[in-house]
C-alpha atoms as a PDB file:
ATOM      1  CA  MET A   1      96.636 206.922  52.829  1.00  0.00           C
ATOM      2  CA  SER A   2      99.458 206.658  55.363  1.00  0.00           C
ATOM      3  CA  GLN A   3     102.157 204.155  54.524  1.00  0.00           C
ATOM      4  CA  ILE A   4     102.529 203.303  58.213  1.00  0.00           C
ATOM      5  CA  ILE A   5     100.806 200.066  59.166  1.00  0.00           C
ATOM      6  CA  TYR A   6     100.629 198.286  62.499  1.00  0.00           C
ATOM      7  CA  LYS A   7     101.002 194.765  63.857  1.00  0.00           C
ATOM      8  CA  ILE A   8     100.011 193.578  67.326  1.00  0.00           C
ATOM      9  CA  ALA A   9     102.114 190.662  68.507  1.00  0.00           C
ATOM     10  CA  PRO A  10     102.752 188.804  71.745  1.00  0.00           C
ATOM     11  CA  LYS A  11     106.087 189.919  73.180  1.00  0.00           C
ATOM     12  CA  ALA A  12     107.605 186.412  73.095  1.00  0.00           C
ATOM     13  CA  LEU A  13     106.709 185.932  69.425  1.00  0.00           C
ATOM     14  CA  TRP A  14     108.226 189.286  68.465  1.00  0.00           C
ATOM     15  CA  ARG A  15     111.416 188.663  70.472  1.00  0.00           C
ATOM     16  CA  GLU A  16     111.812 185.409  68.512  1.00  0.00           C
ATOM     17  CA  ALA A  17     111.457 187.393  65.261  1.00  0.00           C
ATOM     18  CA  GLU A  18     114.160 189.801  66.454  1.00  0.00           C
ATOM     19  CA  ARG A  19     116.485 186.860  67.116  1.00  0.00           C
ATOM     20  CA  ASN A  20     115.724 185.407  63.655  1.00  0.00           C
ATOM     21  CA  GLY A  21     116.029 188.723  61.838  1.00  0.00           C
ATOM     22  CA  ARG A  22     112.540 188.514  60.314  1.00  0.00           C
ATOM     23  CA  PHE A  23     108.912 188.001  61.316  1.00  0.00           C
ATOM     24  CA  THR A  24     107.151 185.138  59.580  1.00  0.00           C
ATOM     25  CA  GLY A  25     103.830 185.696  61.344  1.00  0.00           C
ATOM     26  CA  ALA A  26     101.671 184.564  64.202  1.00  0.00           C
ATOM     27  CA  PRO A  27      99.874 181.203  63.914  1.00  0.00           C
ATOM     28  CA  ILE A  28      96.809 182.898  62.322  1.00  0.00           C
ATOM     29  CA  ASP A  29      99.057 184.575  59.745  1.00  0.00           C
ATOM     30  CA  ILE A  30     100.770 181.316  58.862  1.00  0.00           C
ATOM     31  CA  ALA A  31      97.400 179.550  58.553  1.00  0.00           C
ATOM     32  CA  ASP A  32      96.003 182.304  56.289  1.00  0.00           C
ATOM     33  CA  GLY A  33      99.109 182.518  54.102  1.00  0.00           C
ATOM     34  CA  PHE A  34      99.844 186.191  54.782  1.00  0.00           C
ATOM     35  CA  ILE A  35     100.698 188.509  57.668  1.00  0.00           C
ATOM     36  CA  HIS A  36      97.732 190.542  58.903  1.00  0.00           C
ATOM     37  CA  PHE A  37      98.294 194.252  59.559  1.00  0.00           C
ATOM     38  CA  SER A  38      96.016 197.162  60.398  1.00  0.00           C
ATOM     39  CA  THR A  39      96.005 200.831  59.559  1.00  0.00           C
ATOM     40  CA  ALA A  40      95.977 203.409  62.359  1.00  0.00           C
ATOM     41  CA  GLY A  41      92.206 203.676  61.995  1.00  0.00           C
ATOM     42  CA  GLN A  42      91.753 199.892  62.290  1.00  0.00           C
ATOM     43  CA  VAL A  43      94.259 198.780  64.920  1.00  0.00           C
ATOM     44  CA  ARG A  44      92.163 199.570  68.010  1.00  0.00           C
ATOM     45  CA  GLU A  45      89.281 197.462  66.704  1.00  0.00           C
ATOM     46  CA  THR A  46      91.753 194.704  65.828  1.00  0.00           C
ATOM     47  CA  ALA A  47      93.036 194.758  69.423  1.00  0.00           C
ATOM     48  CA  ALA A  48      89.510 194.593  70.844  1.00  0.00           C
ATOM     49  CA  LYS A  49      88.385 191.827  68.477  1.00  0.00           C
ATOM     50  CA  HIS A  50      91.443 189.564  68.399  1.00  0.00           C
ATOM     51  CA  PHE A  51      93.429 190.395  71.549  1.00  0.00           C
ATOM     52  CA  ALA A  52      90.747 191.165  74.139  1.00  0.00           C
ATOM     53  CA  GLY A  53      92.052 190.784  77.691  1.00  0.00           C
ATOM     54  CA  GLN A  54      95.559 189.846  76.552  1.00  0.00           C
ATOM     55  CA  ALA A  55      98.560 191.396  78.220  1.00  0.00           C
ATOM     56  CA  ASP A  56     102.249 191.228  77.286  1.00  0.00           C
ATOM     57  CA  LEU A  57     101.590 192.530  73.778  1.00  0.00           C
ATOM     58  CA  LEU A  58     103.650 194.811  71.581  1.00  0.00           C
ATOM     59  CA  LEU A  59     102.537 197.293  68.962  1.00  0.00           C
ATOM     60  CA  ILE A  60     104.836 197.386  65.973  1.00  0.00           C
ATOM     61  CA  ALA A  61     104.826 200.248  63.435  1.00  0.00           C
ATOM     62  CA  ILE A  62     105.966 199.320  59.949  1.00  0.00           C
ATOM     63  CA  ASP A  63     106.842 201.463  56.939  1.00  0.00           C
ATOM     64  CA  GLY A  64     104.533 199.917  54.367  1.00  0.00           C
ATOM     65  CA  ALA A  65     106.395 201.670  51.551  1.00  0.00           C
ATOM     66  CA  LYS A  66     109.388 199.381  52.231  1.00  0.00           C
ATOM     67  CA  LEU A  67     107.348 196.201  51.703  1.00  0.00           C
ATOM     68  CA  GLY A  68     106.943 196.505  47.952  1.00  0.00           C
ATOM     69  CA  GLU A  69     104.472 194.513  45.916  1.00  0.00           C
ATOM     70  CA  ALA A  70     104.114 191.806  48.579  1.00  0.00           C
ATOM     71  CA  LEU A  71     101.885 194.246  50.529  1.00  0.00           C
ATOM     72  CA  LYS A  72      98.295 194.168  49.303  1.00  0.00           C
ATOM     73  CA  TYR A  73      95.252 196.027  50.630  1.00  0.00           C
ATOM     74  CA  GLU A  74      92.365 193.565  50.561  1.00  0.00           C
ATOM     75  CA  VAL A  75      88.735 193.641  51.606  1.00  0.00           C
ATOM     76  CA  SER A  76      88.218 192.167  55.057  1.00  0.00           C
ATOM     77  CA  ARG A  77      86.167 193.018  58.140  1.00  0.00           C
ATOM     78  CA  GLY A  78      83.134 195.125  57.261  1.00  0.00           C
ATOM     79  CA  GLY A  79      84.312 195.649  53.690  1.00  0.00           C
ATOM     80  CA  ALA A  80      87.327 197.689  54.814  1.00  0.00           C
ATOM     81  CA  LEU A  81      90.681 197.377  53.059  1.00  0.00           C
ATOM     82  CA  PHE A  82      93.263 195.803  55.345  1.00  0.00           C
ATOM     83  CA  PRO A  83      96.990 195.534  54.631  1.00  0.00           C
ATOM     84  CA  HIS A  84      98.195 191.949  54.123  1.00  0.00           C
ATOM     85  CA  LEU A  85     101.827 190.996  53.540  1.00  0.00           C
ATOM     86  CA  TYR A  86     102.475 187.966  51.335  1.00  0.00           C
ATOM     87  CA  ALA A  87     106.077 187.566  52.500  1.00  0.00           C
ATOM     88  CA  ALA A  88     108.075 187.519  55.711  1.00  0.00           C
ATOM     89  CA  LEU A  89     108.448 190.919  57.350  1.00  0.00           C
ATOM     90  CA  ALA A  90     112.027 192.178  57.089  1.00  0.00           C
ATOM     91  CA  LEU A  91     112.869 193.970  60.318  1.00  0.00           C
ATOM     92  CA  ASP A  92     114.442 196.910  58.474  1.00  0.00           C
ATOM     93  CA  ALA A  93     110.875 198.020  57.643  1.00  0.00           C
ATOM     94  CA  VAL A  94     110.059 198.373  61.368  1.00  0.00           C
ATOM     95  CA  LEU A  95     109.857 201.988  62.533  1.00  0.00           C
ATOM     96  CA  TRP A  96     109.305 201.278  66.231  1.00  0.00           C
ATOM     97  CA  VAL A  97     108.121 198.712  68.751  1.00  0.00           C
ATOM     98  CA  LYS A  98     106.204 199.818  71.852  1.00  0.00           C
ATOM     99  CA  PRO A  99     104.456 198.005  74.702  1.00  0.00           C
ATOM    100  CA  LEU A 100     100.681 197.733  74.347  1.00  0.00           C
ATOM    101  CA  PRO A 101      99.538 197.610  77.970  1.00  0.00           C
ATOM    102  CA  HIS A 102      96.079 196.428  78.905  1.00  0.00           C
ATOM    103  CA  GLY A 103      94.195 198.560  81.414  1.00  0.00           C
ATOM    104  CA  ALA A 104      90.686 198.660  82.830  1.00  0.00           C
ATOM    105  CA  GLY A 105      89.363 200.257  79.633  1.00  0.00           C
ATOM    106  CA  GLY A 106      91.176 197.923  77.257  1.00  0.00           C
ATOM    107  CA  HIS A 107      94.487 198.314  75.491  1.00  0.00           C
ATOM    108  CA  GLU A 108      96.251 201.645  75.945  1.00  0.00           C
ATOM    109  CA  PHE A 109      97.617 202.873  72.623  1.00  0.00           C
ATOM    110  CA  PRO A 110     100.334 205.451  72.029  1.00  0.00           C
ATOM    111  CA  ALA A 111      99.639 208.244  69.542  1.00  0.00           C
ATOM    112  CA  LEU A 112      99.562 206.764  66.049  1.00  0.00           C
ATOM    113  CA  GLU A 113     100.578 208.420  62.814  1.00  0.00           C
ATOM    114  CA  GLY A 114      97.818 208.204  60.249  1.00  0.00           C
ATOM    115  CA  GLU A 115      94.896 208.611  62.655  1.00  0.00           C
END
């Protein structure tokens, strides 16, 4: 299993995390008590299900190996194991941040490692 996991975040929320030096989560993450991530094989469905029609999003790639024991793979949608982080995300674990534009066919993803 690839150690690279992905987070979709509104640009404004991520820019705030960059200013603060860490990402504490979107409102859904805070409500659930952990930060939701997706694997490369899950992130497109996550975008379609939770971010349909939204523009001004970013796709963030994270080195899951740097997150330690706070990262847990837990059963979620359809019985699949999704990565959940039970801590704030330290920005030194971020590999890259790219725009996630929305086109006529939905969100337009860059090539993802782990697909």
